[in-house]
Amino acid sequence: MSIGDRIRFKRKSLRLTIQELHEKTGLSIGNISDLENNKYSPSVATLLPLSKALKCSIDWLITGSNHEDNLQEFDCSDIEYKIIQMFRSLDERDKEDIFNLLDFKYNRTLKQK
């Protein structure tokens, strides 16, 4: 996946339009479109507002992985890793819904023990 593909993926996973990303970053709509279509690579000055608006690291935008966030180094099963990655791509409201469901099930499990 290219930088442009990752920008588009994160924008869509956050349910943002190009117009909304423009409003969050100050980047022109044409600039965002060109980036997503891999017409050129973004500058550092462009990566910073993109990473903030897309809620991801500059590392991830450039390489597809996070240096500070390599969950494979921890005792984490494949399914736990996938759940965390999916969770991170959700918007805040959906994250809260998932957390509440998990909290409910966790507390129910504790009561059964």
Protein backbone atom coordinates (compact mmCIF):
# COMPACT_ATOMS: atom_id res chain seq x y z
CA MET A 1 0.00 0.00 0.00
CA SER A 2 1.37 3.44 -0.92
CA ILE A 3 1.25 6.64 1.13
CA GLY A 4 -1.68 7.82 -0.97
CA ASP A 5 -3.50 4.53 -0.39
CA ARG A 6 -2.97 4.83 3.36
CA ILE A 7 -4.23 8.43 3.37
CA ARG A 8 -7.38 7.38 1.49
CA PHE A 9 -7.84 4.29 3.70
CA LYS A 10 -7.63 6.31 6.94
CA ARG A 11 -9.85 9.09 5.58
CA LYS A 12 -12.53 6.60 4.59
CA SER A 13 -12.21 4.58 7.80
CA LEU A 14 -12.85 7.80 9.74
CA ARG A 15 -15.77 8.50 7.39
CA LEU A 16 -14.31 11.80 6.26
CA THR A 17 -14.90 13.37 2.87
CA ILE A 18 -12.06 15.10 1.08
CA GLN A 19 -13.83 18.37 1.93
CA GLU A 20 -13.83 17.50 5.64
CA LEU A 21 -10.15 16.50 5.52
CA HIS A 22 -9.45 19.82 3.81
CA GLU A 23 -11.22 21.65 6.65
CA LYS A 24 -9.26 19.73 9.31
CA THR A 25 -5.84 20.15 7.65
CA GLY A 26 -5.99 23.34 5.62
CA LEU A 27 -4.66 21.39 2.63
CA SER A 28 -6.39 22.11 -0.65
CA ILE A 29 -8.90 19.60 -1.98
CA GLY A 30 -6.78 19.21 -5.12
CA ASN A 31 -3.67 18.58 -3.02
CA ILE A 32 -5.44 15.86 -1.01
CA SER A 33 -6.79 14.28 -4.19
CA ASP A 34 -3.33 14.32 -5.79
CA LEU A 35 -1.82 12.71 -2.68
CA GLU A 36 -4.47 9.97 -2.59
CA ASN A 37 -3.87 9.30 -6.29
CA ASN A 38 -0.11 9.04 -5.72
CA LYS A 39 0.73 11.95 -8.02
CA TYR A 40 3.47 12.99 -5.58
CA SER A 41 4.76 12.26 -2.09
CA PRO A 42 3.76 14.60 0.74
CA SER A 43 6.24 16.91 2.39
CA VAL A 44 6.90 16.81 6.12
CA ALA A 45 4.84 20.00 6.44
CA THR A 46 1.94 18.14 4.82
CA LEU A 47 2.36 14.92 6.81
CA LEU A 48 1.96 16.60 10.19
CA PRO A 49 -1.59 17.96 9.72
CA LEU A 50 -2.58 14.77 7.89
CA SER A 51 -1.40 12.56 10.75
CA LYS A 52 -3.31 14.68 13.27
CA ALA A 53 -6.52 14.79 11.24
CA LEU A 54 -6.32 11.08 10.37
CA LYS A 55 -5.42 10.09 13.95
CA CYS A 56 -2.35 8.10 12.94
CA SER A 57 1.40 8.47 13.16
CA ILE A 58 3.59 9.91 10.44
CA ASP A 59 5.45 6.56 10.62
CA TRP A 60 2.28 4.76 9.61
CA LEU A 61 1.53 7.16 6.76
CA ILE A 62 5.03 6.69 5.35
CA THR A 63 5.71 3.00 6.04
CA GLY A 64 2.42 1.37 7.00
CA SER A 65 3.70 0.47 10.48
CA ASN A 66 4.20 2.30 13.75
CA HIS A 67 7.63 2.24 15.34
CA GLU A 68 6.27 2.94 18.83
CA ASP A 69 3.33 0.69 18.34
CA ASN A 70 4.63 -2.72 17.29
CA LEU A 71 2.17 -4.96 19.11
CA GLN A 72 3.81 -8.11 17.78
CA GLU A 73 6.63 -7.54 20.30
CA PHE A 74 4.18 -8.07 23.17
CA ASP A 75 2.46 -11.25 24.24
CA CYS A 76 -0.45 -10.58 21.92
CA SER A 77 -2.27 -13.26 19.91
CA ASP A 78 -3.07 -12.72 16.25
CA ILE A 79 -6.74 -12.16 17.03
CA GLU A 80 -5.90 -9.60 19.76
CA TYR A 81 -3.63 -7.78 17.33
CA LYS A 82 -6.35 -7.71 14.65
CA ILE A 83 -8.95 -6.48 17.14
CA ILE A 84 -6.70 -3.62 18.23
CA GLN A 85 -5.97 -2.63 14.63
CA MET A 86 -9.68 -2.69 13.72
CA PHE A 87 -10.58 -0.76 16.88
CA ARG A 88 -8.11 1.98 16.01
CA SER A 89 -9.74 2.54 12.64
CA LEU A 90 -13.17 3.24 14.19
CA ASP A 91 -14.51 6.69 14.92
CA GLU A 92 -14.80 7.77 18.56
CA ARG A 93 -18.51 6.94 18.88
CA ASP A 94 -17.98 3.40 17.59
CA LYS A 95 -14.96 2.96 19.88
CA GLU A 96 -17.14 3.92 22.84
CA ASP A 97 -19.84 1.42 21.76
CA ILE A 98 -17.26 -1.38 21.47
CA PHE A 99 -15.71 -0.46 24.81
CA ASN A 100 -19.12 -0.51 26.53
CA LEU A 101 -19.93 -3.93 25.09
CA LEU A 102 -16.54 -5.30 26.11
CA ASP A 103 -16.86 -3.79 29.59
CA PHE A 104 -20.30 -5.38 30.00
CA LYS A 105 -19.06 -8.82 28.93
CA TYR A 106 -15.93 -8.53 31.07
CA ASN A 107 -17.93 -7.63 34.20
CA ARG A 108 -20.39 -10.43 33.52
CA THR A 109 -17.50 -12.87 33.28
CA LEU A 110 -16.05 -11.61 36.57
CA LYS A 111 -19.39 -12.11 38.31
CA GLN A 112 -19.64 -15.69 37.00
CA LYS A 113 -16.26 -16.60 38.53
